[in-house]
Amino acid sequence: WGTMFGYFSLESDAETVKRITFYKHKETPGLGGEVDKDWFKNNFIGKKLIDESGNLVSVEVVKGYVSSTDPYAKHKVDGISGATITGRGITTFLKEDLKKYNPYFAKIRKLNEIGSL
């Protein structure tokens, strides 16, 4: 129902989610308001932003649950029941904002590759 404010951090590999948190939103309590609950935020920890080809795919909030057999599960998190639009909004803003920083993150990933040779 309005702009969401939060923080998103990555591990030093510049492709693994370290943490996400929301500190201000106008979401409905018990529905989209669940974005600030640990059970939701913890779903992002360890998710990957980059696919096997090195392309930015970000993290997608899916309707329902992420299947453990889904080959793309490492790029997806469980959605919030009754908050599909909130989930879509999070998915969109993450991908769009991460695109802006991806050239910088790509340099970090390249330096990490060089350092591990």
C-alpha atoms as a PDB file:
ATOM      1  CA  TRP A   1       0.000   0.000   0.000  1.00  0.00           C
ATOM      2  CA  GLY A   2       3.027   2.254  -0.124  1.00  0.00           C
ATOM      3  CA  THR A   3       6.765   2.440  -0.385  1.00  0.00           C
ATOM      4  CA  MET A   4       8.733  -0.119   1.574  1.00  0.00           C
ATOM      5  CA  PHE A   5      12.053   0.812   3.136  1.00  0.00           C
ATOM      6  CA  GLY A   6      14.728  -1.641   4.098  1.00  0.00           C
ATOM      7  CA  TYR A   7      18.258  -2.915   3.795  1.00  0.00           C
ATOM      8  CA  PHE A   8      19.699  -5.687   1.669  1.00  0.00           C
ATOM      9  CA  SER A   9      23.213  -7.038   2.132  1.00  0.00           C
ATOM     10  CA  LEU A  10      25.414  -9.533   0.318  1.00  0.00           C
ATOM     11  CA  GLU A  11      28.214 -11.825   1.377  1.00  0.00           C
ATOM     12  CA  SER A  12      31.735 -10.913   0.213  1.00  0.00           C
ATOM     13  CA  ASP A  13      31.281 -13.087  -2.902  1.00  0.00           C
ATOM     14  CA  ALA A  14      28.827 -10.423  -4.209  1.00  0.00           C
ATOM     15  CA  GLU A  15      26.291 -13.069  -5.184  1.00  0.00           C
ATOM     16  CA  THR A  16      24.931 -14.596  -1.976  1.00  0.00           C
ATOM     17  CA  VAL A  17      22.293 -12.877   0.153  1.00  0.00           C
ATOM     18  CA  LYS A  18      23.506 -12.162   3.660  1.00  0.00           C
ATOM     19  CA  ARG A  19      20.391 -10.458   5.011  1.00  0.00           C
ATOM     20  CA  ILE A  20      17.298  -8.448   4.157  1.00  0.00           C
ATOM     21  CA  THR A  21      15.238  -6.341   6.511  1.00  0.00           C
ATOM     22  CA  PHE A  22      12.389  -3.876   6.238  1.00  0.00           C
ATOM     23  CA  TYR A  23      12.130  -1.037   8.707  1.00  0.00           C
ATOM     24  CA  LYS A  24       9.190   0.938   7.312  1.00  0.00           C
ATOM     25  CA  HIS A  25       6.176  -0.116   5.275  1.00  0.00           C
ATOM     26  CA  LYS A  26       2.430   0.346   5.037  1.00  0.00           C
ATOM     27  CA  GLU A  27       1.550  -3.299   4.490  1.00  0.00           C
ATOM     28  CA  THR A  28      -1.514  -4.875   6.086  1.00  0.00           C
ATOM     29  CA  PRO A  29      -0.740  -6.545   9.429  1.00  0.00           C
ATOM     30  CA  GLY A  30      -0.979 -10.336   9.146  1.00  0.00           C
ATOM     31  CA  LEU A  31      -0.652 -10.209   5.349  1.00  0.00           C
ATOM     32  CA  GLY A  32       1.993  -8.095   3.584  1.00  0.00           C
ATOM     33  CA  GLY A  33       3.045  -6.853   7.016  1.00  0.00           C
ATOM     34  CA  GLU A  34       4.720 -10.227   7.506  1.00  0.00           C
ATOM     35  CA  VAL A  35       7.704  -8.861   5.528  1.00  0.00           C
ATOM     36  CA  ASP A  36       9.248  -7.693   8.771  1.00  0.00           C
ATOM     37  CA  LYS A  37       8.947 -11.096  10.465  1.00  0.00           C
ATOM     38  CA  ASP A  38      12.051 -13.260  10.882  1.00  0.00           C
ATOM     39  CA  TRP A  39      10.391 -16.305   9.272  1.00  0.00           C
ATOM     40  CA  PHE A  40      10.088 -14.338   6.012  1.00  0.00           C
ATOM     41  CA  LYS A  41      13.395 -12.460   6.103  1.00  0.00           C
ATOM     42  CA  ASN A  42      15.373 -15.593   6.961  1.00  0.00           C
ATOM     43  CA  ASN A  43      14.187 -17.220   3.713  1.00  0.00           C
ATOM     44  CA  PHE A  44      16.507 -14.875   1.803  1.00  0.00           C
ATOM     45  CA  ILE A  45      19.697 -15.837   3.653  1.00  0.00           C
ATOM     46  CA  GLY A  46      21.996 -17.856   1.403  1.00  0.00           C
ATOM     47  CA  LYS A  47      19.993 -17.323  -1.784  1.00  0.00           C
ATOM     48  CA  LYS A  48      21.983 -16.688  -4.958  1.00  0.00           C
ATOM     49  CA  LEU A  49      21.634 -13.665  -7.240  1.00  0.00           C
ATOM     50  CA  ILE A  50      23.696 -15.066 -10.108  1.00  0.00           C
ATOM     51  CA  ASP A  51      22.943 -18.124 -12.247  1.00  0.00           C
ATOM     52  CA  GLU A  52      25.502 -20.687 -13.450  1.00  0.00           C
ATOM     53  CA  SER A  53      26.255 -18.549 -16.521  1.00  0.00           C
ATOM     54  CA  GLY A  54      27.074 -15.490 -14.415  1.00  0.00           C
ATOM     55  CA  ASN A  55      23.839 -13.654 -15.218  1.00  0.00           C
ATOM     56  CA  LEU A  56      21.938 -11.626 -12.659  1.00  0.00           C
ATOM     57  CA  VAL A  57      18.659 -13.404 -11.897  1.00  0.00           C
ATOM     58  CA  SER A  58      18.091 -11.906  -8.432  1.00  0.00           C
ATOM     59  CA  VAL A  59      15.721 -13.526  -5.933  1.00  0.00           C
ATOM     60  CA  GLU A  60      12.074 -14.182  -6.670  1.00  0.00           C
ATOM     61  CA  VAL A  61       9.319 -14.270  -4.054  1.00  0.00           C
ATOM     62  CA  VAL A  62       7.016 -17.038  -5.302  1.00  0.00           C
ATOM     63  CA  LYS A  63       3.373 -17.652  -4.569  1.00  0.00           C
ATOM     64  CA  GLY A  64       3.254 -20.524  -2.104  1.00  0.00           C
ATOM     65  CA  TYR A  65       6.314 -22.593  -1.341  1.00  0.00           C
ATOM     66  CA  VAL A  66       9.578 -23.222  -3.143  1.00  0.00           C
ATOM     67  CA  SER A  67       9.888 -26.883  -4.011  1.00  0.00           C
ATOM     68  CA  SER A  68      13.132 -28.541  -2.977  1.00  0.00           C
ATOM     69  CA  THR A  69      13.120 -30.253  -6.389  1.00  0.00           C
ATOM     70  CA  ASP A  70      12.990 -26.913  -8.233  1.00  0.00           C
ATOM     71  CA  PRO A  71      16.351 -26.485 -10.003  1.00  0.00           C
ATOM     72  CA  TYR A  72      16.060 -22.710  -9.453  1.00  0.00           C
ATOM     73  CA  ALA A  73      15.218 -22.956  -5.737  1.00  0.00           C
ATOM     74  CA  LYS A  74      18.443 -21.173  -4.814  1.00  0.00           C
ATOM     75  CA  HIS A  75      16.988 -18.047  -6.464  1.00  0.00           C
ATOM     76  CA  LYS A  76      13.517 -18.241  -4.873  1.00  0.00           C
ATOM     77  CA  VAL A  77      11.868 -17.684  -1.500  1.00  0.00           C
ATOM     78  CA  ASP A  78       8.463 -18.699  -0.140  1.00  0.00           C
ATOM     79  CA  GLY A  79       5.775 -16.084  -0.545  1.00  0.00           C
ATOM     80  CA  ILE A  80       3.405 -14.735   2.077  1.00  0.00           C
ATOM     81  CA  SER A  81      -0.123 -16.138   1.941  1.00  0.00           C
ATOM     82  CA  GLY A  82      -2.533 -13.377   0.924  1.00  0.00           C
ATOM     83  CA  ALA A  83       0.264 -10.995  -0.086  1.00  0.00           C
ATOM     84  CA  THR A  84       0.965 -11.862  -3.715  1.00  0.00           C
ATOM     85  CA  ILE A  85       1.246  -8.219  -4.774  1.00  0.00           C
ATOM     86  CA  THR A  86       3.716  -7.526  -1.959  1.00  0.00           C
ATOM     87  CA  GLY A  87       5.817 -10.494  -3.094  1.00  0.00           C
ATOM     88  CA  ARG A  88       5.782  -9.290  -6.696  1.00  0.00           C
ATOM     89  CA  GLY A  89       6.803  -5.827  -5.536  1.00  0.00           C
ATOM     90  CA  ILE A  90       9.765  -7.184  -3.576  1.00  0.00           C
ATOM     91  CA  THR A  91      10.822  -9.328  -6.535  1.00  0.00           C
ATOM     92  CA  THR A  92      10.636  -6.352  -8.907  1.00  0.00           C
ATOM     93  CA  PHE A  93      12.430  -3.834  -6.718  1.00  0.00           C
ATOM     94  CA  LEU A  94      15.232  -6.277  -5.873  1.00  0.00           C
ATOM     95  CA  LYS A  95      15.920  -7.113  -9.508  1.00  0.00           C
ATOM     96  CA  GLU A  96      15.663  -3.513 -10.711  1.00  0.00           C
ATOM     97  CA  ASP A  97      17.855  -2.107  -7.948  1.00  0.00           C
ATOM     98  CA  LEU A  98      20.404  -4.920  -8.197  1.00  0.00           C
ATOM     99  CA  LYS A  99      20.725  -4.232 -11.948  1.00  0.00           C
ATOM    100  CA  LYS A 100      22.034  -0.760 -11.071  1.00  0.00           C
ATOM    101  CA  TYR A 101      24.792  -2.219  -8.882  1.00  0.00           C
ATOM    102  CA  ASN A 102      25.545  -5.330 -10.913  1.00  0.00           C
ATOM    103  CA  PRO A 103      28.530  -3.815 -12.795  1.00  0.00           C
ATOM    104  CA  TYR A 104      30.179  -3.120  -9.425  1.00  0.00           C
ATOM    105  CA  PHE A 105      29.270  -6.559  -8.048  1.00  0.00           C
ATOM    106  CA  ALA A 106      30.587  -8.168 -11.255  1.00  0.00           C
ATOM    107  CA  LYS A 107      33.979  -6.531 -10.633  1.00  0.00           C
ATOM    108  CA  ILE A 108      34.028  -7.940  -7.111  1.00  0.00           C
ATOM    109  CA  ARG A 109      33.127 -11.405  -8.386  1.00  0.00           C
ATOM    110  CA  LYS A 110      35.902 -11.156 -10.991  1.00  0.00           C
ATOM    111  CA  LEU A 111      38.438 -10.115  -8.354  1.00  0.00           C
ATOM    112  CA  ASN A 112      37.310 -13.034  -6.185  1.00  0.00           C
ATOM    113  CA  GLU A 113      37.891 -15.408  -9.147  1.00  0.00           C
ATOM    114  CA  ILE A 114      41.360 -13.991  -9.758  1.00  0.00           C
ATOM    115  CA  GLY A 115      42.204 -14.258  -6.059  1.00  0.00           C
ATOM    116  CA  SER A 116      41.226 -17.911  -5.953  1.00  0.00           C
ATOM    117  CA  LEU A 117      43.440 -18.994  -8.856  1.00  0.00           C
END
